[in-house]
Amino acid sequence: MSEGPDRPDRAYGAPEGETEAERRRRRALFLRELAEARALRDRVQPRRAKAARLRHALRMRTFRW
């Protein structure tokens, strides 16, 4: 009656025979593309990017260590 996959490392459609190195390679590629998309969005919408930077700075200032 379990609803999730049998193994958590096979969640989200990961191929069955995938090694840890292949998973890390796919993850690194995904993160590179995500950063590239964010950079593109920041160039296209500079005002929104500035507001996001200011919000992030405010969150970091109010966070207590």
PDB file of N, CA and C in Angstrom:
ATOM      1  N   MET A   1       0.814  -1.204   0.000  1.00  0.00           N
ATOM      2  CA  MET A   1       0.000   0.000   0.000  1.00  0.00           C
ATOM      3  C   MET A   1       0.853   1.262   0.000  1.00  0.00           C
ATOM      4  N   SER A   2       2.148   1.118  -0.254  1.00  0.00           N
ATOM      5  CA  SER A   2       3.016   2.293  -0.287  1.00  0.00           C
ATOM      6  C   SER A   2       2.770   3.066  -1.578  1.00  0.00           C
ATOM      7  N   GLU A   3       2.671   4.379  -1.452  1.00  0.00           N
ATOM      8  CA  GLU A   3       2.383   5.221  -2.604  1.00  0.00           C
ATOM      9  C   GLU A   3       3.644   5.700  -3.305  1.00  0.00           C
ATOM     10  N   GLY A   4       4.750   5.801  -2.578  1.00  0.00           N
ATOM     11  CA  GLY A   4       5.996   6.303  -3.146  1.00  0.00           C
ATOM     12  C   GLY A   4       6.802   5.196  -3.792  1.00  0.00           C
ATOM     13  N   PRO A   5       7.902   5.554  -4.436  1.00  0.00           N
ATOM     14  CA  PRO A   5       8.778   4.539  -5.035  1.00  0.00           C
ATOM     15  C   PRO A   5       9.445   3.695  -3.956  1.00  0.00           C
ATOM     16  N   ASP A   6       9.906   2.508  -4.338  1.00  0.00           N
ATOM     17  CA  ASP A   6      10.534   1.609  -3.373  1.00  0.00           C
ATOM     18  C   ASP A   6      11.829   2.185  -2.826  1.00  0.00           C
ATOM     19  N   ARG A   7      12.589   2.849  -3.704  1.00  0.00           N
ATOM     20  CA  ARG A   7      13.863   3.433  -3.280  1.00  0.00           C
ATOM     21  C   ARG A   7      13.825   4.936  -3.505  1.00  0.00           C
ATOM     22  N   PRO A   8      14.173   5.719  -2.474  1.00  0.00           N
ATOM     23  CA  PRO A   8      14.109   7.178  -2.624  1.00  0.00           C
ATOM     24  C   PRO A   8      15.064   7.719  -3.681  1.00  0.00           C
ATOM     25  N   ASP A   9      16.189   7.017  -3.958  1.00  0.00           N
ATOM     26  CA  ASP A   9      17.122   7.528  -4.960  1.00  0.00           C
ATOM     27  C   ASP A   9      16.598   7.311  -6.378  1.00  0.00           C
ATOM     28  N   ARG A  10      15.495   6.613  -6.530  1.00  0.00           N
ATOM     29  CA  ARG A  10      14.901   6.402  -7.858  1.00  0.00           C
ATOM     30  C   ARG A  10      13.674   7.287  -8.055  1.00  0.00           C
ATOM     31  N   ALA A  11      13.444   8.234  -7.157  1.00  0.00           N
ATOM     32  CA  ALA A  11      12.302   9.129  -7.282  1.00  0.00           C
ATOM     33  C   ALA A  11      12.512  10.093  -8.447  1.00  0.00           C
ATOM     34  N   TYR A  12      11.445  10.715  -8.874  1.00  0.00           N
ATOM     35  CA  TYR A  12      11.473  11.755  -9.906  1.00  0.00           C
ATOM     36  C   TYR A  12      11.997  11.257 -11.241  1.00  0.00           C
ATOM     37  N   GLY A  13      11.709  10.021 -11.593  1.00  0.00           N
ATOM     38  CA  GLY A  13      11.990   9.524 -12.928  1.00  0.00           C
ATOM     39  C   GLY A  13      13.444   9.244 -13.232  1.00  0.00           C
ATOM     40  N   ALA A  14      14.260   8.992 -12.240  1.00  0.00           N
ATOM     41  CA  ALA A  14      15.663   8.659 -12.497  1.00  0.00           C
ATOM     42  C   ALA A  14      15.737   7.292 -13.156  1.00  0.00           C
ATOM     43  N   PRO A  15      16.575   7.117 -14.164  1.00  0.00           N
ATOM     44  CA  PRO A  15      16.704   5.814 -14.827  1.00  0.00           C
ATOM     45  C   PRO A  15      17.167   4.732 -13.860  1.00  0.00           C
ATOM     46  N   GLU A  16      16.755   3.510 -14.110  1.00  0.00           N
ATOM     47  CA  GLU A  16      17.032   2.399 -13.187  1.00  0.00           C
ATOM     48  C   GLU A  16      18.518   2.091 -13.054  1.00  0.00           C
ATOM     49  N   GLY A  17      19.276   2.084 -14.172  1.00  0.00           N
ATOM     50  CA  GLY A  17      20.675   1.699 -14.115  1.00  0.00           C
ATOM     51  C   GLY A  17      21.633   2.863 -13.923  1.00  0.00           C
ATOM     52  N   GLU A  18      21.147   3.986 -13.428  1.00  0.00           N
ATOM     53  CA  GLU A  18      21.969   5.191 -13.321  1.00  0.00           C
ATOM     54  C   GLU A  18      22.918   5.100 -12.130  1.00  0.00           C
ATOM     55  N   THR A  19      24.170   5.460 -12.368  1.00  0.00           N
ATOM     56  CA  THR A  19      25.145   5.464 -11.275  1.00  0.00           C
ATOM     57  C   THR A  19      25.110   6.815 -10.564  1.00  0.00           C
ATOM     58  N   GLU A  20      25.763   6.852  -9.418  1.00  0.00           N
ATOM     59  CA  GLU A  20      25.833   8.089  -8.640  1.00  0.00           C
ATOM     60  C   GLU A  20      26.540   9.192  -9.437  1.00  0.00           C
ATOM     61  N   ALA A  21      27.590   8.843 -10.177  1.00  0.00           N
ATOM     62  CA  ALA A  21      28.322   9.838 -10.974  1.00  0.00           C
ATOM     63  C   ALA A  21      27.431  10.417 -12.076  1.00  0.00           C
ATOM     64  N   GLU A  22      26.626   9.562 -12.711  1.00  0.00           N
ATOM     65  CA  GLU A  22      25.716  10.058 -13.744  1.00  0.00           C
ATOM     66  C   GLU A  22      24.665  10.982 -13.153  1.00  0.00           C
ATOM     67  N   ARG A  23      24.175  10.629 -11.974  1.00  0.00           N
ATOM     68  CA  ARG A  23      23.179  11.479 -11.308  1.00  0.00           C
ATOM     69  C   ARG A  23      23.778  12.844 -10.972  1.00  0.00           C
ATOM     70  N   ARG A  24      25.023  12.823 -10.449  1.00  0.00           N
ATOM     71  CA  ARG A  24      25.686  14.095 -10.129  1.00  0.00           C
ATOM     72  C   ARG A  24      25.922  14.924 -11.387  1.00  0.00           C
ATOM     73  N   ARG A  25      26.297  14.258 -12.492  1.00  0.00           N
ATOM     74  CA  ARG A  25      26.521  14.965 -13.755  1.00  0.00           C
ATOM     75  C   ARG A  25      25.227  15.618 -14.245  1.00  0.00           C
ATOM     76  N   ARG A  26      24.118  14.872 -14.162  1.00  0.00           N
ATOM     77  CA  ARG A  26      22.828  15.438 -14.576  1.00  0.00           C
ATOM     78  C   ARG A  26      22.432  16.601 -13.686  1.00  0.00           C
ATOM     79  N   ARG A  27      22.689  16.469 -12.382  1.00  0.00           N
ATOM     80  CA  ARG A  27      22.340  17.532 -11.440  1.00  0.00           C
ATOM     81  C   ARG A  27      23.175  18.785 -11.708  1.00  0.00           C
ATOM     82  N   ALA A  28      24.467  18.597 -11.965  1.00  0.00           N
ATOM     83  CA  ALA A  28      25.341  19.734 -12.261  1.00  0.00           C
ATOM     84  C   ALA A  28      24.880  20.450 -13.531  1.00  0.00           C
ATOM     85  N   LEU A  29      24.509  19.682 -14.550  1.00  0.00           N
ATOM     86  CA  LEU A  29      24.005  20.280 -15.789  1.00  0.00           C
ATOM     87  C   LEU A  29      22.731  21.070 -15.521  1.00  0.00           C
ATOM     88  N   PHE A  30      21.822  20.489 -14.736  1.00  0.00           N
ATOM     89  CA  PHE A  30      20.582  21.175 -14.407  1.00  0.00           C
ATOM     90  C   PHE A  30      20.860  22.487 -13.676  1.00  0.00           C
ATOM     91  N   LEU A  31      21.758  22.454 -12.692  1.00  0.00           N
ATOM     92  CA  LEU A  31      22.053  23.659 -11.920  1.00  0.00           C
ATOM     93  C   LEU A  31      22.730  24.723 -12.774  1.00  0.00           C
ATOM     94  N   ARG A  32      23.603  24.303 -13.728  1.00  0.00           N
ATOM     95  CA  ARG A  32      24.209  25.269 -14.648  1.00  0.00           C
ATOM     96  C   ARG A  32      23.155  25.945 -15.507  1.00  0.00           C
ATOM     97  N   GLU A  33      22.228  25.141 -16.043  1.00  0.00           N
ATOM     98  CA  GLU A  33      21.172  25.701 -16.886  1.00  0.00           C
ATOM     99  C   GLU A  33      20.256  26.614 -16.083  1.00  0.00           C
ATOM    100  N   LEU A  34      19.985  26.254 -14.831  1.00  0.00           N
ATOM    101  CA  LEU A  34      19.148  27.094 -13.976  1.00  0.00           C
ATOM    102  C   LEU A  34      19.825  28.442 -13.718  1.00  0.00           C
ATOM    103  N   ALA A  35      21.113  28.417 -13.432  1.00  0.00           N
ATOM    104  CA  ALA A  35      21.851  29.665 -13.203  1.00  0.00           C
ATOM    105  C   ALA A  35      21.880  30.520 -14.465  1.00  0.00           C
ATOM    106  N   GLU A  36      22.040  29.866 -15.617  1.00  0.00           N
ATOM    107  CA  GLU A  36      22.039  30.592 -16.885  1.00  0.00           C
ATOM    108  C   GLU A  36      20.677  31.242 -17.132  1.00  0.00           C
ATOM    109  N   ALA A  37      19.606  30.524 -16.836  1.00  0.00           N
ATOM    110  CA  ALA A  37      18.263  31.075 -17.021  1.00  0.00           C
ATOM    111  C   ALA A  37      18.032  32.258 -16.088  1.00  0.00           C
ATOM    112  N   ARG A  38      18.507  32.150 -14.850  1.00  0.00           N
ATOM    113  CA  ARG A  38      18.355  33.270 -13.909  1.00  0.00           C
ATOM    114  C   ARG A  38      19.140  34.486 -14.378  1.00  0.00           C
ATOM    115  N   ALA A  39      20.358  34.261 -14.878  1.00  0.00           N
ATOM    116  CA  ALA A  39      21.177  35.370 -15.373  1.00  0.00           C
ATOM    117  C   ALA A  39      20.499  36.049 -16.565  1.00  0.00           C
ATOM    118  N   LEU A  40      19.927  35.246 -17.454  1.00  0.00           N
ATOM    119  CA  LEU A  40      19.217  35.803 -18.601  1.00  0.00           C
ATOM    120  C   LEU A  40      18.025  36.632 -18.144  1.00  0.00           C
ATOM    121  N   ARG A  41      17.272  36.102 -17.183  1.00  0.00           N
ATOM    122  CA  ARG A  41      16.113  36.842 -16.672  1.00  0.00           C
ATOM    123  C   ARG A  41      16.550  38.149 -16.031  1.00  0.00           C
ATOM    124  N   ASP A  42      17.668  38.118 -15.308  1.00  0.00           N
ATOM    125  CA  ASP A  42      18.169  39.342 -14.673  1.00  0.00           C
ATOM    126  C   ASP A  42      18.574  40.382 -15.711  1.00  0.00           C
ATOM    127  N   ARG A  43      19.157  39.930 -16.837  1.00  0.00           N
ATOM    128  CA  ARG A  43      19.523  40.876 -17.893  1.00  0.00           C
ATOM    129  C   ARG A  43      18.299  41.451 -18.591  1.00  0.00           C
ATOM    130  N   VAL A  44      17.277  40.635 -18.760  1.00  0.00           N
ATOM    131  CA  VAL A  44      16.088  41.068 -19.488  1.00  0.00           C
ATOM    132  C   VAL A  44      15.201  41.947 -18.615  1.00  0.00           C
ATOM    133  N   GLN A  45      15.172  41.691 -17.314  1.00  0.00           N
ATOM    134  CA  GLN A  45      14.303  42.441 -16.403  1.00  0.00           C
ATOM    135  C   GLN A  45      15.134  43.036 -15.272  1.00  0.00           C
ATOM    136  N   PRO A  46      15.938  44.060 -15.564  1.00  0.00           N
ATOM    137  CA  PRO A  46      16.854  44.585 -14.537  1.00  0.00           C
ATOM    138  C   PRO A  46      16.141  45.158 -13.309  1.00  0.00           C
ATOM    139  N   ARG A  47      14.976  45.764 -13.501  1.00  0.00           N
ATOM    140  CA  ARG A  47      14.287  46.350 -12.345  1.00  0.00           C
ATOM    141  C   ARG A  47      13.808  45.260 -11.387  1.00  0.00           C
ATOM    142  N   ARG A  48      13.253  44.198 -11.948  1.00  0.00           N
ATOM    143  CA  ARG A  48      12.797  43.090 -11.110  1.00  0.00           C
ATOM    144  C   ARG A  48      13.987  42.414 -10.432  1.00  0.00           C
ATOM    145  N   ALA A  49      15.102  42.313 -11.149  1.00  0.00           N
ATOM    146  CA  ALA A  49      16.295  41.686 -10.570  1.00  0.00           C
ATOM    147  C   ALA A  49      16.823  42.528  -9.405  1.00  0.00           C
ATOM    148  N   LYS A  50      16.804  43.831  -9.561  1.00  0.00           N
ATOM    149  CA  LYS A  50      17.275  44.708  -8.479  1.00  0.00           C
ATOM    150  C   LYS A  50      16.374  44.563  -7.257  1.00  0.00           C
ATOM    151  N   ALA A  51      15.070  44.518  -7.479  1.00  0.00           N
ATOM    152  CA  ALA A  51      14.134  44.352  -6.364  1.00  0.00           C
ATOM    153  C   ALA A  51      14.365  43.007  -5.677  1.00  0.00           C
ATOM    154  N   ALA A  52      14.619  41.967  -6.456  1.00  0.00           N
ATOM    155  CA  ALA A  52      14.879  40.645  -5.877  1.00  0.00           C
ATOM    156  C   ALA A  52      16.164  40.660  -5.063  1.00  0.00           C
ATOM    157  N   ARG A  53      17.206  41.350  -5.558  1.00  0.00           N
ATOM    158  CA  ARG A  53      18.463  41.457  -4.804  1.00  0.00           C
ATOM    159  C   ARG A  53      18.234  42.181  -3.486  1.00  0.00           C
ATOM    160  N   LEU A  54      17.455  43.249  -3.518  1.00  0.00           N
ATOM    161  CA  LEU A  54      17.189  44.000  -2.294  1.00  0.00           C
ATOM    162  C   LEU A  54      16.384  43.167  -1.299  1.00  0.00           C
ATOM    163  N   ARG A  55      15.392  42.424  -1.781  1.00  0.00           N
ATOM    164  CA  ARG A  55      14.616  41.551  -0.891  1.00  0.00           C
ATOM    165  C   ARG A  55      15.504  40.484  -0.269  1.00  0.00           C
ATOM    166  N   HIS A  56      16.383  39.905  -1.086  1.00  0.00           N
ATOM    167  CA  HIS A  56      17.290  38.880  -0.567  1.00  0.00           C
ATOM    168  C   HIS A  56      18.221  39.478   0.489  1.00  0.00           C
ATOM    169  N   ALA A  57      18.762  40.666   0.236  1.00  0.00           N
ATOM    170  CA  ALA A  57      19.649  41.318   1.202  1.00  0.00           C
ATOM    171  C   ALA A  57      18.903  41.597   2.510  1.00  0.00           C
ATOM    172  N   LEU A  58      17.653  42.020   2.399  1.00  0.00           N
ATOM    173  CA  LEU A  58      16.858  42.287   3.600  1.00  0.00           C
ATOM    174  C   LEU A  58      16.621  40.995   4.385  1.00  0.00           C
ATOM    175  N   ARG A  59      16.316  39.915   3.686  1.00  0.00           N
ATOM    176  CA  ARG A  59      16.132  38.625   4.363  1.00  0.00           C
ATOM    177  C   ARG A  59      17.411  38.205   5.067  1.00  0.00           C
ATOM    178  N   MET A  60      18.541  38.399   4.408  1.00  0.00           N
ATOM    179  CA  MET A  60      19.809  37.991   5.014  1.00  0.00           C
ATOM    180  C   MET A  60      20.142  38.855   6.226  1.00  0.00           C
ATOM    181  N   ARG A  61      19.793  40.137   6.173  1.00  0.00           N
ATOM    182  CA  ARG A  61      20.062  41.019   7.313  1.00  0.00           C
ATOM    183  C   ARG A  61      19.206  40.657   8.515  1.00  0.00           C
ATOM    184  N   THR A  62      17.953  40.238   8.259  1.00  0.00           N
ATOM    185  CA  THR A  62      17.049  39.977   9.385  1.00  0.00           C
ATOM    186  C   THR A  62      17.197  38.560   9.925  1.00  0.00           C
ATOM    187  N   PHE A  63      17.937  37.723   9.239  1.00  0.00           N
ATOM    188  CA  PHE A  63      18.127  36.345   9.709  1.00  0.00           C
ATOM    189  C   PHE A  63      19.123  36.344  10.864  1.00  0.00           C
ATOM    190  N   ARG A  64      18.761  35.669  11.947  1.00  0.00           N
ATOM    191  CA  ARG A  64      19.646  35.605  13.119  1.00  0.00           C
ATOM    192  C   ARG A  64      20.476  34.329  13.062  1.00  0.00           C
ATOM    193  N   TRP A  65      21.780  34.450  13.255  1.00  0.00           N
ATOM    194  CA  TRP A  65      22.651  33.271  13.269  1.00  0.00           C
ATOM    195  C   TRP A  65      22.658  32.655  14.628  1.00  0.00           C
TER     196      TRP A  65
END
